[in-house]
PDB file of N, CA and C in Angstrom:
ATOM      1  N   UNK A   1     -53.705 -13.817 -42.855  1.00  0.00           N
ATOM      2  CA  UNK A   1     -52.343 -13.587 -42.731  1.00  0.00           C
ATOM      3  C   UNK A   1     -51.781 -12.283 -42.690  1.00  0.00           C
ATOM      4  N   UNK A   2     -51.151 -11.632 -41.780  1.00  0.00           N
ATOM      5  CA  UNK A   2     -50.911  -9.991 -42.054  1.00  0.00           C
ATOM      6  C   UNK A   2     -49.861  -9.714 -43.157  1.00  0.00           C
ATOM      7  N   UNK A   3     -50.175  -9.054 -43.848  1.00  0.00           N
ATOM      8  CA  UNK A   3     -49.285  -8.847 -44.934  1.00  0.00           C
ATOM      9  C   UNK A   3     -48.455  -7.487 -44.548  1.00  0.00           C
ATOM     10  N   UNK A   4     -49.290  -6.460 -44.358  1.00  0.00           N
ATOM     11  CA  UNK A   4     -48.711  -5.050 -44.271  1.00  0.00           C
ATOM     12  C   UNK A   4     -49.066  -4.380 -42.680  1.00  0.00           C
ATOM     13  N   UNK A   5     -47.928  -3.516 -42.127  1.00  0.00           N
ATOM     14  CA  UNK A   5     -48.285  -3.422 -40.707  1.00  0.00           C
ATOM     15  C   UNK A   5     -48.387  -1.653 -41.313  1.00  0.00           C
ATOM     16  N   UNK A   6     -49.187  -1.186 -41.097  1.00  0.00           N
ATOM     17  CA  UNK A   6     -49.313   0.466 -41.325  1.00  0.00           C
ATOM     18  C   UNK A   6     -49.218   1.112 -39.843  1.00  0.00           C
ATOM     19  N   UNK A   7     -48.264   2.033 -39.544  1.00  0.00           N
ATOM     20  CA  UNK A   7     -48.191   2.642 -38.217  1.00  0.00           C
ATOM     21  C   UNK A   7     -48.178   4.151 -38.772  1.00  0.00           C
ATOM     22  N   UNK A   8     -49.339   4.731 -38.239  1.00  0.00           N
ATOM     23  CA  UNK A   8     -49.523   6.180 -38.409  1.00  0.00           C
ATOM     24  C   UNK A   8     -49.275   7.091 -37.013  1.00  0.00           C
ATOM     25  N   UNK A   9     -48.337   8.077 -37.766  1.00  0.00           N
ATOM     26  CA  UNK A   9     -47.886   8.821 -36.338  1.00  0.00           C
ATOM     27  C   UNK A   9     -48.349  10.242 -36.418  1.00  0.00           C
ATOM     28  N   UNK A  10     -48.968  10.519 -35.323  1.00  0.00           N
ATOM     29  CA  UNK A  10     -49.970  11.797 -35.438  1.00  0.00           C
ATOM     30  C   UNK A  10     -49.599  12.677 -34.312  1.00  0.00           C
ATOM     31  N   UNK A  11     -49.723  14.104 -34.597  1.00  0.00           N
ATOM     32  CA  UNK A  11     -49.690  14.981 -33.721  1.00  0.00           C
ATOM     33  C   UNK A  11     -50.902  15.506 -33.032  1.00  0.00           C
ATOM     34  N   UNK A  12     -50.640  16.018 -31.924  1.00  0.00           N
ATOM     35  CA  UNK A  12     -52.110  16.607 -30.866  1.00  0.00           C
ATOM     36  C   UNK A  12     -52.144  17.730 -31.826  1.00  0.00           C
ATOM     37  N   UNK A  13     -53.382  18.189 -31.623  1.00  0.00           N
ATOM     38  CA  UNK A  13     -53.937  19.570 -32.362  1.00  0.00           C
ATOM     39  C   UNK A  13     -53.231  20.752 -31.862  1.00  0.00           C
ATOM     40  N   UNK A  14     -52.785  21.615 -32.809  1.00  0.00           N
ATOM     41  CA  UNK A  14     -52.268  22.950 -32.435  1.00  0.00           C
ATOM     42  C   UNK A  14     -53.154  23.831 -32.164  1.00  0.00           C
ATOM     43  N   UNK A  15     -52.657  25.009 -32.034  1.00  0.00           N
ATOM     44  CA  UNK A  15     -53.707  26.266 -31.390  1.00  0.00           C
ATOM     45  C   UNK A  15     -54.767  26.465 -32.337  1.00  0.00           C
ATOM     46  N   UNK A  16     -54.655  26.115 -33.645  1.00  0.00           N
ATOM     47  CA  UNK A  16     -55.820  26.359 -34.538  1.00  0.00           C
ATOM     48  C   UNK A  16     -56.507  24.815 -35.135  1.00  0.00           C
ATOM     49  N   UNK A  17     -56.111  23.819 -33.985  1.00  0.00           N
ATOM     50  CA  UNK A  17     -57.183  22.740 -34.059  1.00  0.00           C
ATOM     51  C   UNK A  17     -56.568  21.696 -35.364  1.00  0.00           C
ATOM     52  N   UNK A  18     -55.241  21.895 -35.989  1.00  0.00           N
ATOM     53  CA  UNK A  18     -54.751  21.317 -36.821  1.00  0.00           C
ATOM     54  C   UNK A  18     -54.022  19.950 -36.471  1.00  0.00           C
ATOM     55  N   UNK A  19     -54.203  18.828 -37.295  1.00  0.00           N
ATOM     56  CA  UNK A  19     -53.344  17.695 -36.609  1.00  0.00           C
ATOM     57  C   UNK A  19     -52.756  17.052 -37.607  1.00  0.00           C
ATOM     58  N   UNK A  20     -51.472  16.788 -37.641  1.00  0.00           N
ATOM     59  CA  UNK A  20     -50.827  16.175 -38.906  1.00  0.00           C
ATOM     60  C   UNK A  20     -50.519  14.759 -38.897  1.00  0.00           C
ATOM     61  N   UNK A  21     -50.137  14.131 -39.692  1.00  0.00           N
ATOM     62  CA  UNK A  21     -50.199  12.606 -39.928  1.00  0.00           C
ATOM     63  C   UNK A  21     -48.827  12.394 -40.958  1.00  0.00           C
ATOM     64  N   UNK A  22     -48.160  11.085 -40.671  1.00  0.00           N
ATOM     65  CA  UNK A  22     -47.588  10.506 -41.399  1.00  0.00           C
ATOM     66  C   UNK A  22     -47.568   9.004 -41.269  1.00  0.00           C
ATOM     67  N   UNK A  23     -47.386   8.235 -42.475  1.00  0.00           N
ATOM     68  CA  UNK A  23     -47.483   6.740 -42.180  1.00  0.00           C
ATOM     69  C   UNK A  23     -46.363   5.814 -42.452  1.00  0.00           C
ATOM     70  N   UNK A  24     -46.122   4.884 -41.898  1.00  0.00           N
ATOM     71  CA  UNK A  24     -44.782   3.759 -42.309  1.00  0.00           C
ATOM     72  C   UNK A  24     -45.537   2.661 -42.903  1.00  0.00           C
ATOM     73  N   UNK A  25     -45.656   2.373 -43.784  1.00  0.00           N
ATOM     74  CA  UNK A  25     -46.115   0.897 -44.517  1.00  0.00           C
ATOM     75  C   UNK A  25     -44.946  -0.278 -44.442  1.00  0.00           C
ATOM     76  N   UNK A  26     -45.139  -1.092 -43.769  1.00  0.00           N
ATOM     77  CA  UNK A  26     -44.056  -2.035 -43.625  1.00  0.00           C
ATOM     78  C   UNK A  26     -44.847  -3.740 -43.950  1.00  0.00           C
ATOM     79  N   UNK A  27     -43.997  -4.169 -45.188  1.00  0.00           N
ATOM     80  CA  UNK A  27     -44.126  -5.607 -45.494  1.00  0.00           C
ATOM     81  C   UNK A  27     -43.599  -6.530 -44.275  1.00  0.00           C
ATOM     82  N   UNK A  28     -44.651  -7.202 -44.056  1.00  0.00           N
ATOM     83  CA  UNK A  28     -44.109  -8.343 -43.076  1.00  0.00           C
ATOM     84  C   UNK A  28     -43.345  -9.464 -43.437  1.00  0.00           C
ATOM     85  N   UNK A  29     -43.238  -9.653 -44.811  1.00  0.00           N
ATOM     86  CA  UNK A  29     -42.435 -10.463 -45.644  1.00  0.00           C
ATOM     87  C   UNK A  29     -41.132 -10.184 -45.500  1.00  0.00           C
ATOM     88  N   UNK A  30     -40.733  -8.980 -45.977  1.00  0.00           N
ATOM     89  CA  UNK A  30     -39.141  -8.629 -45.922  1.00  0.00           C
ATOM     90  C   UNK A  30     -38.944  -7.381 -44.966  1.00  0.00           C
ATOM     91  N   UNK A  31     -39.794  -6.998 -44.466  1.00  0.00           N
ATOM     92  CA  UNK A  31     -39.819  -5.723 -43.223  1.00  0.00           C
ATOM     93  C   UNK A  31     -39.054  -4.560 -44.058  1.00  0.00           C
ATOM     94  N   UNK A  32     -39.282  -4.238 -45.688  1.00  0.00           N
ATOM     95  CA  UNK A  32     -39.019  -3.221 -46.141  1.00  0.00           C
ATOM     96  C   UNK A  32     -40.082  -2.265 -45.821  1.00  0.00           C
ATOM     97  N   UNK A  33     -39.875  -1.060 -45.891  1.00  0.00           N
ATOM     98  CA  UNK A  33     -40.992   0.033 -45.584  1.00  0.00           C
ATOM     99  C   UNK A  33     -41.078   1.359 -46.270  1.00  0.00           C
ATOM    100  N   UNK A  34     -42.117   2.137 -46.371  1.00  0.00           N
ATOM    101  CA  UNK A  34     -42.200   3.257 -47.291  1.00  0.00           C
ATOM    102  C   UNK A  34     -42.990   4.080 -46.366  1.00  0.00           C
ATOM    103  N   UNK A  35     -42.191   5.212 -46.109  1.00  0.00           N
ATOM    104  CA  UNK A  35     -42.976   6.438 -45.186  1.00  0.00           C
ATOM    105  C   UNK A  35     -43.873   7.237 -45.997  1.00  0.00           C
ATOM    106  N   UNK A  36     -45.117   7.729 -45.755  1.00  0.00           N
ATOM    107  CA  UNK A  36     -45.833   8.426 -46.678  1.00  0.00           C
ATOM    108  C   UNK A  36     -46.055   9.596 -45.833  1.00  0.00           C
ATOM    109  N   UNK A  37     -45.996  10.819 -46.455  1.00  0.00           N
ATOM    110  CA  UNK A  37     -46.116  11.980 -45.657  1.00  0.00           C
ATOM    111  C   UNK A  37     -47.518  12.540 -46.026  1.00  0.00           C
ATOM    112  N   UNK A  38     -47.857  13.411 -45.169  1.00  0.00           N
ATOM    113  CA  UNK A  38     -49.370  13.645 -45.184  1.00  0.00           C
ATOM    114  C   UNK A  38     -50.441  12.886 -45.521  1.00  0.00           C
ATOM    115  N   UNK A  39     -50.592  11.715 -44.748  1.00  0.00           N
ATOM    116  CA  UNK A  39     -52.137  11.169 -44.894  1.00  0.00           C
ATOM    117  C   UNK A  39     -52.824  11.768 -43.949  1.00  0.00           C
ATOM    118  N   UNK A  40     -54.190  11.715 -44.291  1.00  0.00           N
ATOM    119  CA  UNK A  40     -55.133  11.876 -43.629  1.00  0.00           C
ATOM    120  C   UNK A  40     -55.447  11.739 -42.067  1.00  0.00           C
ATOM    121  N   UNK A  41     -54.811  10.452 -41.673  1.00  0.00           N
ATOM    122  CA  UNK A  41     -55.052   9.880 -40.394  1.00  0.00           C
ATOM    123  C   UNK A  41     -54.816   8.253 -40.496  1.00  0.00           C
ATOM    124  N   UNK A  42     -55.068   7.912 -39.424  1.00  0.00           N
ATOM    125  CA  UNK A  42     -54.816   6.251 -39.453  1.00  0.00           C
ATOM    126  C   UNK A  42     -55.679   5.817 -40.622  1.00  0.00           C
ATOM    127  N   UNK A  43     -57.125   6.171 -40.274  1.00  0.00           N
ATOM    128  CA  UNK A  43     -58.109   5.310 -41.324  1.00  0.00           C
ATOM    129  C   UNK A  43     -57.619   5.599 -42.714  1.00  0.00           C
ATOM    130  N   UNK A  44     -57.262   6.771 -43.301  1.00  0.00           N
ATOM    131  CA  UNK A  44     -56.945   7.085 -44.530  1.00  0.00           C
ATOM    132  C   UNK A  44     -55.756   6.311 -45.091  1.00  0.00           C
ATOM    133  N   UNK A  45     -54.904   6.174 -43.977  1.00  0.00           N
ATOM    134  CA  UNK A  45     -53.727   5.141 -44.353  1.00  0.00           C
ATOM    135  C   UNK A  45     -53.906   3.723 -44.803  1.00  0.00           C
ATOM    136  N   UNK A  46     -54.851   3.275 -44.085  1.00  0.00           N
ATOM    137  CA  UNK A  46     -55.299   1.812 -44.150  1.00  0.00           C
ATOM    138  C   UNK A  46     -56.059   1.839 -45.511  1.00  0.00           C
ATOM    139  N   UNK A  47     -57.115   2.589 -45.586  1.00  0.00           N
ATOM    140  CA  UNK A  47     -57.974   2.788 -46.968  1.00  0.00           C
ATOM    141  C   UNK A  47     -57.026   2.845 -48.057  1.00  0.00           C
ATOM    142  N   UNK A  48     -56.155   3.513 -48.028  1.00  0.00           N
ATOM    143  CA  UNK A  48     -55.169   3.705 -49.217  1.00  0.00           C
ATOM    144  C   UNK A  48     -55.004   2.357 -49.592  1.00  0.00           C
ATOM    145  N   UNK A  49     -54.510   1.512 -48.836  1.00  0.00           N
ATOM    146  CA  UNK A  49     -54.143   0.243 -49.210  1.00  0.00           C
ATOM    147  C   UNK A  49     -55.468  -0.595 -49.683  1.00  0.00           C
ATOM    148  N   UNK A  50     -56.585  -0.372 -49.239  1.00  0.00           N
ATOM    149  CA  UNK A  50     -57.820  -0.910 -49.974  1.00  0.00           C
ATOM    150  C   UNK A  50     -58.096  -0.410 -51.229  1.00  0.00           C
ATOM    151  N   UNK A  51     -57.971   1.037 -51.388  1.00  0.00           N
ATOM    152  CA  UNK A  51     -58.220   1.507 -52.629  1.00  0.00           C
ATOM    153  C   UNK A  51     -57.261   1.203 -53.529  1.00  0.00           C
ATOM    154  N   UNK A  52     -56.024   0.740 -53.305  1.00  0.00           N
ATOM    155  CA  UNK A  52     -54.918   0.486 -54.434  1.00  0.00           C
ATOM    156  C   UNK A  52     -55.121  -1.067 -54.814  1.00  0.00           C
ATOM    157  N   UNK A  53     -55.993  -1.769 -53.973  1.00  0.00           N
ATOM    158  CA  UNK A  53     -56.219  -3.040 -54.252  1.00  0.00           C
ATOM    159  C   UNK A  53     -55.047  -4.052 -54.072  1.00  0.00           C
ATOM    160  N   UNK A  54     -54.439  -3.495 -52.821  1.00  0.00           N
ATOM    161  CA  UNK A  54     -53.131  -4.006 -52.334  1.00  0.00           C
ATOM    162  C   UNK A  54     -53.636  -5.099 -51.210  1.00  0.00           C
ATOM    163  N   UNK A  55     -54.638  -4.755 -50.436  1.00  0.00           N
ATOM    164  CA  UNK A  55     -55.303  -5.357 -49.515  1.00  0.00           C
ATOM    165  C   UNK A  55     -56.463  -5.452 -49.880  1.00  0.00           C
ATOM    166  N   UNK A  56     -57.099  -7.035 -49.611  1.00  0.00           N
ATOM    167  CA  UNK A  56     -58.272  -7.499 -49.892  1.00  0.00           C
ATOM    168  C   UNK A  56     -59.153  -7.708 -48.521  1.00  0.00           C
ATOM    169  N   UNK A  57     -58.572  -7.815 -47.384  1.00  0.00           N
ATOM    170  CA  UNK A  57     -59.565  -8.023 -46.272  1.00  0.00           C
ATOM    171  C   UNK A  57     -58.687  -7.472 -45.115  1.00  0.00           C
ATOM    172  N   UNK A  58     -59.430  -7.069 -43.848  1.00  0.00           N
ATOM    173  CA  UNK A  58     -58.794  -6.319 -43.068  1.00  0.00           C
ATOM    174  C   UNK A  58     -57.909  -7.457 -42.162  1.00  0.00           C
ATOM    175  N   UNK A  59     -57.971  -8.594 -42.192  1.00  0.00           N
ATOM    176  CA  UNK A  59     -56.991  -9.528 -41.597  1.00  0.00           C
ATOM    177  C   UNK A  59     -55.616  -9.468 -42.051  1.00  0.00           C
ATOM    178  N   UNK A  60     -55.431  -8.732 -43.507  1.00  0.00           N
ATOM    179  CA  UNK A  60     -54.084  -8.743 -44.032  1.00  0.00           C
ATOM    180  C   UNK A  60     -53.126  -7.448 -43.377  1.00  0.00           C
ATOM    181  N   UNK A  61     -54.088  -6.483 -42.673  1.00  0.00           N
ATOM    182  CA  UNK A  61     -53.469  -5.461 -42.285  1.00  0.00           C
ATOM    183  C   UNK A  61     -53.395  -5.291 -40.923  1.00  0.00           C
ATOM    184  N   UNK A  62     -52.382  -4.902 -40.040  1.00  0.00           N
ATOM    185  CA  UNK A  62     -52.235  -4.418 -38.675  1.00  0.00           C
ATOM    186  C   UNK A  62     -51.965  -2.912 -38.585  1.00  0.00           C
ATOM    187  N   UNK A  63     -52.973  -2.324 -38.061  1.00  0.00           N
ATOM    188  CA  UNK A  63     -52.856  -0.867 -37.863  1.00  0.00           C
ATOM    189  C   UNK A  63     -52.625  -0.334 -36.371  1.00  0.00           C
ATOM    190  N   UNK A  64     -51.449   0.565 -36.348  1.00  0.00           N
ATOM    191  CA  UNK A  64     -51.177   1.249 -35.220  1.00  0.00           C
ATOM    192  C   UNK A  64     -51.198   2.534 -35.213  1.00  0.00           C
ATOM    193  N   UNK A  65     -51.541   3.356 -34.471  1.00  0.00           N
ATOM    194  CA  UNK A  65     -51.349   4.732 -34.215  1.00  0.00           C
ATOM    195  C   UNK A  65     -50.966   5.369 -33.112  1.00  0.00           C
ATOM    196  N   UNK A  66     -49.963   6.239 -33.149  1.00  0.00           N
ATOM    197  CA  UNK A  66     -49.409   6.862 -31.981  1.00  0.00           C
ATOM    198  C   UNK A  66     -49.571   8.461 -31.985  1.00  0.00           C
ATOM    199  N   UNK A  67     -49.755   9.051 -30.787  1.00  0.00           N
ATOM    200  CA  UNK A  67     -49.902  10.539 -30.816  1.00  0.00           C
ATOM    201  C   UNK A  67     -48.615  11.023 -30.092  1.00  0.00           C
ATOM    202  N   UNK A  68     -48.257  12.268 -30.718  1.00  0.00           N
ATOM    203  CA  UNK A  68     -47.080  12.963 -30.032  1.00  0.00           C
ATOM    204  C   UNK A  68     -47.281  14.404 -30.114  1.00  0.00           C
ATOM    205  N   UNK A  69     -46.365  15.132 -29.146  1.00  0.00           N
ATOM    206  CA  UNK A  69     -46.578  16.546 -29.168  1.00  0.00           C
ATOM    207  C   UNK A  69     -46.003  17.265 -30.738  1.00  0.00           C
ATOM    208  N   UNK A  70     -46.472  18.171 -30.990  1.00  0.00           N
ATOM    209  CA  UNK A  70     -45.942  18.657 -32.377  1.00  0.00           C
ATOM    210  C   UNK A  70     -44.736  18.566 -32.664  1.00  0.00           C
ATOM    211  N   UNK A  71     -43.813  19.105 -31.633  1.00  0.00           N
ATOM    212  CA  UNK A  71     -42.315  19.101 -31.846  1.00  0.00           C
ATOM    213  C   UNK A  71     -41.607  17.828 -31.531  1.00  0.00           C
ATOM    214  N   UNK A  72     -42.338  16.912 -31.106  1.00  0.00           N
ATOM    215  CA  UNK A  72     -41.496  15.488 -31.307  1.00  0.00           C
ATOM    216  C   UNK A  72     -42.193  14.921 -32.352  1.00  0.00           C
ATOM    217  N   UNK A  73     -43.502  15.320 -33.101  1.00  0.00           N
ATOM    218  CA  UNK A  73     -44.025  14.609 -34.388  1.00  0.00           C
ATOM    219  C   UNK A  73     -43.030  15.267 -35.275  1.00  0.00           C
ATOM    220  N   UNK A  74     -42.459  16.650 -35.332  1.00  0.00           N
ATOM    221  CA  UNK A  74     -41.573  17.140 -36.463  1.00  0.00           C
ATOM    222  C   UNK A  74     -40.252  16.331 -36.547  1.00  0.00           C
ATOM    223  N   UNK A  75     -39.815  16.204 -35.185  1.00  0.00           N
ATOM    224  CA  UNK A  75     -38.442  15.388 -35.034  1.00  0.00           C
ATOM    225  C   UNK A  75     -38.720  13.988 -35.595  1.00  0.00           C
ATOM    226  N   UNK A  76     -39.588  13.336 -35.198  1.00  0.00           N
ATOM    227  CA  UNK A  76     -39.873  11.601 -35.922  1.00  0.00           C
ATOM    228  C   UNK A  76     -40.007  11.971 -37.309  1.00  0.00           C
ATOM    229  N   UNK A  77     -40.813  12.645 -38.017  1.00  0.00           N
ATOM    230  CA  UNK A  77     -40.952  12.760 -39.293  1.00  0.00           C
ATOM    231  C   UNK A  77     -39.826  13.200 -39.952  1.00  0.00           C
ATOM    232  N   UNK A  78     -38.796  13.921 -39.416  1.00  0.00           N
ATOM    233  CA  UNK A  78     -37.560  14.696 -40.023  1.00  0.00           C
ATOM    234  C   UNK A  78     -36.667  13.061 -40.059  1.00  0.00           C
ATOM    235  N   UNK A  79     -36.664  12.560 -39.142  1.00  0.00           N
ATOM    236  CA  UNK A  79     -35.854  10.987 -39.112  1.00  0.00           C
ATOM    237  C   UNK A  79     -36.438   9.848 -39.316  1.00  0.00           C
ATOM    238  N   UNK A  80     -37.585   9.991 -40.152  1.00  0.00           N
ATOM    239  CA  UNK A  80     -38.418   8.784 -40.286  1.00  0.00           C
ATOM    240  C   UNK A  80     -37.672   7.912 -41.678  1.00  0.00           C
ATOM    241  N   UNK A  81     -36.760   8.605 -42.314  1.00  0.00           N
ATOM    242  CA  UNK A  81     -36.301   8.242 -43.394  1.00  0.00           C
ATOM    243  C   UNK A  81     -36.808   8.759 -44.593  1.00  0.00           C
ATOM    244  N   UNK A  82     -36.243   7.929 -45.855  1.00  0.00           N
ATOM    245  CA  UNK A  82     -36.784   8.651 -47.158  1.00  0.00           C
ATOM    246  C   UNK A  82     -38.419   8.718 -47.016  1.00  0.00           C
ATOM    247  N   UNK A  83     -39.001  10.223 -46.900  1.00  0.00           N
ATOM    248  CA  UNK A  83     -40.522  10.183 -46.918  1.00  0.00           C
ATOM    249  C   UNK A  83     -40.733  10.618 -47.999  1.00  0.00           C
ATOM    250  N   UNK A  84     -41.840   9.979 -48.321  1.00  0.00           N
ATOM    251  CA  UNK A  84     -42.240  10.180 -49.801  1.00  0.00           C
ATOM    252  C   UNK A  84     -43.612  11.077 -49.797  1.00  0.00           C
ATOM    253  N   UNK A  85     -43.673  11.961 -50.800  1.00  0.00           N
ATOM    254  CA  UNK A  85     -44.559  12.953 -50.592  1.00  0.00           C
ATOM    255  C   UNK A  85     -45.531  13.290 -51.855  1.00  0.00           C
ATOM    256  N   UNK A  86     -45.499  12.033 -52.497  1.00  0.00           N
ATOM    257  CA  UNK A  86     -46.119  12.170 -53.514  1.00  0.00           C
ATOM    258  C   UNK A  86     -47.760  11.376 -53.626  1.00  0.00           C
ATOM    259  N   UNK A  87     -48.236  10.880 -55.006  1.00  0.00           N
ATOM    260  CA  UNK A  87     -49.404  10.088 -54.786  1.00  0.00           C
ATOM    261  C   UNK A  87     -48.468   8.591 -54.581  1.00  0.00           C
ATOM    262  N   UNK A  88     -48.969   7.749 -53.809  1.00  0.00           N
ATOM    263  CA  UNK A  88     -48.566   6.271 -53.797  1.00  0.00           C
ATOM    264  C   UNK A  88     -49.359   5.415 -54.772  1.00  0.00           C
ATOM    265  N   UNK A  89     -48.758   4.719 -55.249  1.00  0.00           N
ATOM    266  CA  UNK A  89     -49.109   3.567 -56.304  1.00  0.00           C
ATOM    267  C   UNK A  89     -49.013   2.266 -56.001  1.00  0.00           C
ATOM    268  N   UNK A  90     -50.125   1.422 -56.237  1.00  0.00           N
ATOM    269  CA  UNK A  90     -49.903  -0.071 -55.877  1.00  0.00           C
ATOM    270  C   UNK A  90     -48.527  -0.566 -56.183  1.00  0.00           C
ATOM    271  N   UNK A  91     -47.744  -0.499 -57.246  1.00  0.00           N
ATOM    272  CA  UNK A  91     -46.826  -0.640 -57.665  1.00  0.00           C
ATOM    273  C   UNK A  91     -45.545  -0.597 -56.607  1.00  0.00           C
ATOM    274  N   UNK A  92     -45.562   0.776 -55.920  1.00  0.00           N
ATOM    275  CA  UNK A  92     -44.541   0.999 -54.817  1.00  0.00           C
ATOM    276  C   UNK A  92     -44.979   0.163 -53.680  1.00  0.00           C
ATOM    277  N   UNK A  93     -46.061   0.028 -53.447  1.00  0.00           N
ATOM    278  CA  UNK A  93     -46.504  -0.694 -52.236  1.00  0.00           C
ATOM    279  C   UNK A  93     -46.083  -2.172 -52.444  1.00  0.00           C
ATOM    280  N   UNK A  94     -46.234  -2.864 -53.724  1.00  0.00           N
ATOM    281  CA  UNK A  94     -46.148  -4.119 -54.032  1.00  0.00           C
ATOM    282  C   UNK A  94     -44.317  -4.644 -54.022  1.00  0.00           C
ATOM    283  N   UNK A  95     -43.552  -3.441 -54.226  1.00  0.00           N
ATOM    284  CA  UNK A  95     -42.163  -3.338 -54.167  1.00  0.00           C
ATOM    285  C   UNK A  95     -41.740  -3.865 -52.894  1.00  0.00           C
ATOM    286  N   UNK A  96     -42.323  -3.097 -52.014  1.00  0.00           N
ATOM    287  CA  UNK A  96     -42.004  -3.802 -50.475  1.00  0.00           C
ATOM    288  C   UNK A  96     -42.044  -5.260 -50.311  1.00  0.00           C
ATOM    289  N   UNK A  97     -42.520  -5.926 -50.847  1.00  0.00           N
ATOM    290  CA  UNK A  97     -42.503  -7.431 -50.965  1.00  0.00           C
ATOM    291  C   UNK A  97     -41.164  -8.072 -51.654  1.00  0.00           C
ATOM    292  N   UNK A  98     -40.452  -7.348 -52.539  1.00  0.00           N
ATOM    293  CA  UNK A  98     -39.537  -7.951 -53.242  1.00  0.00           C
ATOM    294  C   UNK A  98     -38.155  -7.961 -52.214  1.00  0.00           C
ATOM    295  N   UNK A  99     -37.388  -9.021 -51.986  1.00  0.00           N
ATOM    296  CA  UNK A  99     -36.312  -9.000 -51.265  1.00  0.00           C
ATOM    297  C   UNK A  99     -35.214  -8.058 -51.919  1.00  0.00           C
ATOM    298  N   UNK A 100     -34.976  -7.893 -52.874  1.00  0.00           N
ATOM    299  CA  UNK A 100     -33.867  -6.962 -53.478  1.00  0.00           C
ATOM    300  C   UNK A 100     -34.335  -5.554 -53.311  1.00  0.00           C
ATOM    301  N   UNK A 101     -35.423  -5.116 -52.743  1.00  0.00           N
ATOM    302  CA  UNK A 101     -35.866  -3.697 -52.540  1.00  0.00           C
ATOM    303  C   UNK A 101     -35.331  -3.416 -51.017  1.00  0.00           C
ATOM    304  N   UNK A 102     -34.191  -2.490 -51.072  1.00  0.00           N
ATOM    305  CA  UNK A 102     -33.930  -1.866 -49.714  1.00  0.00           C
ATOM    306  C   UNK A 102     -34.164  -0.330 -49.652  1.00  0.00           C
TER     307      UNK A 102
END
């Protein structure tokens, strides 16, 4: 059963070869989500859930990655909602499953 949808939004490389990423982690149970700034990419966003021991199997996660021009990526990040820019904890991710969390 899928517990979390991890949607990573990435920018194409800039002139210096840098790419930028942010991820939205959404609970399939409540549809609550957490936007995490500056994840290292799609695989890093998913690996974070395994590292935090929130997910035990690949079947619990659905991974989506989209690529956009840098300007579009900046606009999407700006309007993504409350973007969290610190260390994500397992408690934060598990809180997405509580119905009273909005």
